Protein backbone atom coordinates (compact mmCIF):
# COMPACT_ATOMS: atom_id res chain seq x y z
CA UNK A 1 -144.02 -98.53 96.56
CA UNK A 2 -140.32 -99.69 97.42
CA UNK A 3 -137.54 -98.34 95.75
CA UNK A 4 -134.44 -99.95 94.95
CA UNK A 5 -131.39 -98.73 92.77
CA UNK A 6 -129.27 -100.79 90.19
CA UNK A 7 -125.53 -100.51 89.36
CA UNK A 8 -125.45 -103.02 86.54
CA UNK A 9 -127.08 -101.78 83.51
CA UNK A 10 -130.56 -104.02 82.67
CA UNK A 11 -130.19 -104.29 79.39
CA UNK A 12 -127.45 -106.30 80.16
CA UNK A 13 -128.95 -108.23 82.78
CA UNK A 14 -130.12 -111.86 80.76
CA UNK A 15 -132.21 -111.54 84.37
CA UNK A 16 -134.10 -108.73 83.19
CA UNK A 17 -136.75 -108.31 80.76
CA UNK A 18 -137.42 -106.26 78.86
CA UNK A 19 -140.73 -103.74 78.97
CA UNK A 20 -142.04 -100.51 77.13
CA UNK A 21 -139.89 -97.98 78.52
CA UNK A 22 -138.07 -99.94 81.27
CA UNK A 23 -137.24 -103.76 82.52
CA UNK A 24 -138.57 -106.29 84.70
CA UNK A 25 -135.96 -107.35 87.00
CA UNK A 26 -135.50 -108.97 90.25
CA UNK A 27 -134.71 -106.92 93.62
CA UNK A 28 -131.44 -107.34 94.39
CA UNK A 29 -130.67 -108.23 97.86
CA UNK A 30 -129.79 -104.97 100.16
CA UNK A 31 -130.67 -103.07 96.77
CA UNK A 32 -133.88 -101.30 98.73
CA UNK A 33 -132.84 -97.53 99.04
CA UNK A 34 -136.74 -95.80 99.90
CA UNK A 35 -139.86 -96.33 99.88
CA UNK A 36 -143.14 -93.99 99.32
CA UNK A 37 -146.40 -94.94 101.25
CA UNK A 38 -149.35 -93.16 99.89
CA UNK A 39 -152.16 -93.51 102.56
CA UNK A 40 -155.17 -93.91 100.04
CA UNK A 41 -153.80 -90.19 98.68
CA UNK A 42 -152.53 -89.18 95.11
CA UNK A 43 -149.18 -88.10 96.37
CA UNK A 44 -145.99 -89.43 98.72
CA UNK A 45 -143.06 -88.12 100.26
CA UNK A 46 -140.00 -89.89 99.08
CA UNK A 47 -136.38 -90.30 100.52
CA UNK A 48 -134.11 -92.51 99.03
CA UNK A 49 -130.53 -93.45 100.73
CA UNK A 50 -128.40 -96.33 101.38
CA UNK A 51 -124.91 -97.34 99.87
CA UNK A 52 -125.69 -98.48 96.49
CA UNK A 53 -127.46 -94.91 95.58
CA UNK A 54 -124.28 -93.68 97.21
CA UNK A 55 -121.58 -95.38 95.06
CA UNK A 56 -124.18 -95.48 91.60
CA UNK A 57 -123.82 -91.16 92.31
CA UNK A 58 -119.75 -92.39 93.46
CA UNK A 59 -119.85 -93.83 89.67
CA UNK A 60 -122.64 -91.48 87.56
CA UNK A 61 -124.53 -94.19 86.99
CA UNK A 62 -126.99 -96.27 88.26
CA UNK A 63 -131.14 -97.69 87.71
CA UNK A 64 -133.35 -97.11 90.02
CA UNK A 65 -136.18 -99.39 90.34
CA UNK A 66 -139.50 -99.88 92.40
CA UNK A 67 -141.48 -102.85 94.02
CA UNK A 68 -145.47 -101.76 93.59
CA UNK A 69 -147.45 -104.36 95.58
CA UNK A 70 -150.91 -103.54 96.34
CA UNK A 71 -151.43 -100.92 93.27
CA UNK A 72 -153.91 -100.47 90.72
CA UNK A 73 -153.89 -101.51 87.39
CA UNK A 74 -152.90 -98.19 85.33
CA UNK A 75 -151.77 -94.84 86.20
CA UNK A 76 -149.05 -92.68 85.72
CA UNK A 77 -145.73 -92.29 88.09
CA UNK A 78 -144.95 -88.80 88.07
CA UNK A 79 -141.43 -87.28 89.84
CA UNK A 80 -141.51 -83.71 90.69
CA UNK A 81 -139.80 -81.01 92.04
CA UNK A 82 -136.78 -83.48 91.84
CA UNK A 83 -133.77 -82.31 93.89
CA UNK A 84 -130.76 -84.06 95.70
CA UNK A 85 -128.45 -83.44 98.67
CA UNK A 86 -124.70 -85.06 98.75
CA UNK A 87 -123.21 -85.43 102.28
CA UNK A 88 -119.59 -85.60 101.70
CA UNK A 89 -118.06 -86.29 105.17
CA UNK A 90 -114.26 -86.62 105.69
């Protein structure tokens, strides 16, 4: 499952289709910020990083999307114990 960041509001993007609880949007080039590989298990670690994500955090506004290929229909994705580490370099 690949995670992508979007800096523009998908509700204002004519290329995005509204869905219950979210949007279906085309993945933007260079927007991939992480991946979760379940490998037959029900849990996976996830690290998100990248310039687009950094810009979204800096601006205080971003949307996180996911691309799931080969996943079973149905189910629930739950993000638990979320924490963010921000590293600032001078």
